[in-house]
N, C-alpha and C. Protein backbone atom coordinates (compact mmCIF):
# COMPACT_ATOMS: atom_id res chain seq x y z
N MET A 1 -9.01 -14.64 4.60
CA MET A 1 -8.72 -15.99 5.01
C MET A 1 -7.85 -15.99 6.11
N TYR A 2 -8.15 -16.93 7.16
CA TYR A 2 -7.34 -17.09 8.37
C TYR A 2 -6.73 -18.50 8.29
N VAL A 3 -5.46 -18.56 8.40
CA VAL A 3 -4.77 -19.83 8.40
C VAL A 3 -4.11 -20.11 9.84
N ALA A 4 -4.49 -21.18 10.51
CA ALA A 4 -3.85 -21.45 11.78
C ALA A 4 -2.57 -22.15 11.58
N VAL A 5 -1.53 -21.64 12.23
CA VAL A 5 -0.12 -22.06 12.00
C VAL A 5 0.57 -22.32 13.44
N ASP A 6 1.59 -23.18 13.45
CA ASP A 6 2.20 -23.46 14.67
C ASP A 6 3.28 -22.40 15.02
N ASP A 7 3.86 -21.83 14.03
CA ASP A 7 5.00 -20.89 14.33
C ASP A 7 4.76 -19.57 13.52
N PRO A 8 3.90 -18.68 14.01
CA PRO A 8 3.74 -17.48 13.21
C PRO A 8 4.85 -16.52 13.11
N ASP A 9 5.81 -16.67 14.14
CA ASP A 9 7.07 -15.80 14.03
C ASP A 9 7.88 -16.15 12.87
N ALA A 10 8.02 -17.52 12.62
CA ALA A 10 8.93 -17.89 11.53
C ALA A 10 8.16 -17.59 10.15
N LEU A 11 6.91 -17.75 10.16
CA LEU A 11 6.18 -17.49 8.96
C LEU A 11 6.20 -15.97 8.58
N TYR A 12 6.04 -15.15 9.62
CA TYR A 12 6.14 -13.68 9.50
C TYR A 12 7.44 -13.32 8.87
N ALA A 13 8.54 -13.88 9.43
CA ALA A 13 9.84 -13.49 8.92
C ALA A 13 10.04 -14.03 7.44
N LYS A 14 9.53 -15.14 7.09
CA LYS A 14 9.56 -15.63 5.76
C LYS A 14 8.78 -14.77 4.80
N ALA A 15 7.53 -14.45 5.20
CA ALA A 15 6.66 -13.68 4.37
C ALA A 15 7.32 -12.20 4.15
N LYS A 16 7.78 -11.68 5.19
CA LYS A 16 8.34 -10.31 4.99
C LYS A 16 9.65 -10.44 4.15
N ALA A 17 10.48 -11.40 4.28
CA ALA A 17 11.63 -11.51 3.52
C ALA A 17 11.29 -11.76 2.04
N ALA A 18 10.22 -12.36 1.77
CA ALA A 18 9.70 -12.65 0.46
C ALA A 18 9.01 -11.44 -0.23
N GLY A 19 8.90 -10.31 0.53
CA GLY A 19 8.30 -9.18 -0.03
C GLY A 19 6.84 -9.00 0.20
N ALA A 20 6.24 -9.78 1.01
CA ALA A 20 4.78 -9.57 1.34
C ALA A 20 4.59 -8.23 2.04
N ARG A 21 3.54 -7.57 1.71
CA ARG A 21 3.10 -6.27 2.34
C ARG A 21 2.43 -6.59 3.60
N ILE A 22 3.05 -6.15 4.76
CA ILE A 22 2.57 -6.46 6.09
C ILE A 22 1.41 -5.45 6.35
N GLU A 23 0.23 -5.89 6.59
CA GLU A 23 -0.88 -4.98 6.88
C GLU A 23 -1.12 -4.85 8.34
N MET A 24 -0.77 -5.81 9.15
CA MET A 24 -0.88 -5.83 10.56
C MET A 24 0.37 -6.56 11.10
N GLU A 25 1.16 -5.88 11.92
CA GLU A 25 2.38 -6.50 12.45
C GLU A 25 2.02 -7.63 13.34
N LEU A 26 3.03 -8.51 13.57
CA LEU A 26 2.90 -9.68 14.41
C LEU A 26 2.54 -9.11 15.82
N ARG A 27 1.49 -9.79 16.43
CA ARG A 27 1.08 -9.34 17.78
C ARG A 27 0.38 -10.49 18.46
N ASN A 28 0.29 -10.25 19.78
CA ASN A 28 -0.37 -11.22 20.72
C ASN A 28 -1.76 -10.55 20.94
N THR A 29 -2.82 -11.36 20.78
CA THR A 29 -4.14 -10.91 20.95
C THR A 29 -4.65 -11.17 22.40
N ASP A 30 -5.76 -10.48 22.73
CA ASP A 30 -6.35 -10.68 24.11
C ASP A 30 -6.92 -12.02 24.28
N TYR A 31 -7.21 -12.74 23.21
CA TYR A 31 -7.78 -14.10 23.28
C TYR A 31 -6.77 -15.17 23.14
N GLY A 32 -5.53 -14.88 23.20
CA GLY A 32 -4.49 -15.87 23.31
C GLY A 32 -3.81 -16.28 21.99
N SER A 33 -4.13 -15.67 20.85
CA SER A 33 -3.44 -15.99 19.63
C SER A 33 -2.32 -15.05 19.30
N ARG A 34 -1.47 -15.47 18.53
CA ARG A 34 -0.30 -14.63 18.03
C ARG A 34 -0.46 -14.67 16.49
N ASP A 35 -0.64 -13.50 15.92
CA ASP A 35 -1.00 -13.44 14.51
C ASP A 35 -0.54 -12.19 13.77
N PHE A 36 -0.66 -12.22 12.49
CA PHE A 36 -0.32 -11.05 11.62
C PHE A 36 -1.16 -11.19 10.34
N ILE A 37 -1.14 -10.07 9.68
CA ILE A 37 -1.94 -10.05 8.33
C ILE A 37 -1.04 -9.44 7.29
N CYS A 38 -1.05 -10.04 6.13
CA CYS A 38 -0.27 -9.52 5.03
C CYS A 38 -0.92 -9.67 3.65
N ARG A 39 -0.38 -9.03 2.63
CA ARG A 39 -0.89 -9.16 1.25
C ARG A 39 0.12 -9.88 0.54
N ASP A 40 -0.35 -10.79 -0.39
CA ASP A 40 0.61 -11.43 -1.37
C ASP A 40 0.90 -10.54 -2.55
N PRO A 41 1.70 -10.84 -3.47
CA PRO A 41 2.01 -10.00 -4.69
C PRO A 41 0.79 -9.68 -5.48
N GLU A 42 -0.26 -10.51 -5.43
CA GLU A 42 -1.52 -10.27 -6.21
C GLU A 42 -2.46 -9.40 -5.45
N GLY A 43 -2.21 -9.06 -4.23
CA GLY A 43 -2.96 -8.14 -3.44
C GLY A 43 -3.95 -8.87 -2.52
N ASN A 44 -3.94 -10.21 -2.53
CA ASN A 44 -4.87 -10.98 -1.66
C ASN A 44 -4.44 -10.83 -0.21
N LEU A 45 -5.37 -10.71 0.70
CA LEU A 45 -5.18 -10.45 2.09
C LEU A 45 -5.15 -11.90 2.84
N TRP A 46 -4.07 -12.10 3.61
CA TRP A 46 -3.99 -13.37 4.40
C TRP A 46 -3.78 -13.02 5.81
N SER A 47 -4.49 -13.75 6.65
CA SER A 47 -4.29 -13.61 8.16
C SER A 47 -3.73 -15.02 8.61
N PHE A 48 -2.65 -14.92 9.43
CA PHE A 48 -2.04 -16.14 9.94
C PHE A 48 -1.94 -15.99 11.47
N GLY A 49 -2.22 -17.09 12.13
CA GLY A 49 -1.89 -16.99 13.60
C GLY A 49 -2.11 -18.39 14.27
N THR A 50 -2.04 -18.40 15.60
CA THR A 50 -2.17 -19.61 16.31
C THR A 50 -3.49 -19.95 16.75
N TYR A 51 -4.46 -19.08 16.58
CA TYR A 51 -5.85 -19.37 17.07
C TYR A 51 -6.44 -20.51 16.38
N TRP A 52 -6.90 -21.57 17.15
CA TRP A 52 -7.60 -22.66 16.68
C TRP A 52 -8.83 -22.76 17.61
N PRO A 53 -10.02 -22.50 17.06
CA PRO A 53 -11.20 -22.47 17.96
C PRO A 53 -11.57 -23.80 18.70
N LYS A 54 -10.99 -24.83 18.14
CA LYS A 54 -11.31 -26.13 18.84
C LYS A 54 -9.90 -26.59 19.28
N ALA A 55 -9.30 -25.97 20.21
CA ALA A 55 -7.98 -26.25 20.59
C ALA A 55 -7.71 -27.66 21.09
N HIS A 56 -8.73 -28.31 21.50
CA HIS A 56 -8.58 -29.69 21.95
C HIS A 56 -8.55 -30.70 20.79
N GLU A 57 -8.78 -30.17 19.60
CA GLU A 57 -8.77 -30.93 18.31
C GLU A 57 -7.62 -30.59 17.42
N LYS A 58 -7.06 -31.48 16.69
CA LYS A 58 -6.04 -31.14 15.75
C LYS A 58 -6.68 -30.67 14.48
N PRO A 59 -6.06 -29.64 13.74
CA PRO A 59 -6.58 -29.20 12.52
C PRO A 59 -6.64 -30.36 11.50
N THR A 60 -7.58 -30.35 10.59
CA THR A 60 -7.69 -31.35 9.60
C THR A 60 -6.77 -31.20 8.50
N GLU A 61 -6.21 -32.22 7.95
CA GLU A 61 -5.31 -32.17 6.86
C GLU A 61 -6.08 -31.82 5.59
N ALA A 62 -5.52 -31.03 4.69
CA ALA A 62 -6.23 -30.71 3.46
C ALA A 62 -5.79 -31.68 2.42
C-alpha cells in the first residue's frame, strides 16, 4: 500500500520511534517524491511518500 503524505520526514521519525521496521530508508526519488517503506508490528508493508499522480488535484478524504 502507498499512502501519500505531506510530511514524510516527520512520519518517518514517528514510525521509527514507535518501533516500525524500516525496509527502505527515507529518500528522494528521481520522479520527485520523498518516501520510505516500513513494516508495522504485524509485518504489513507500508509505503509512504509525497508522490501524488494527479498533483493538480487534492487527495480525496476517506
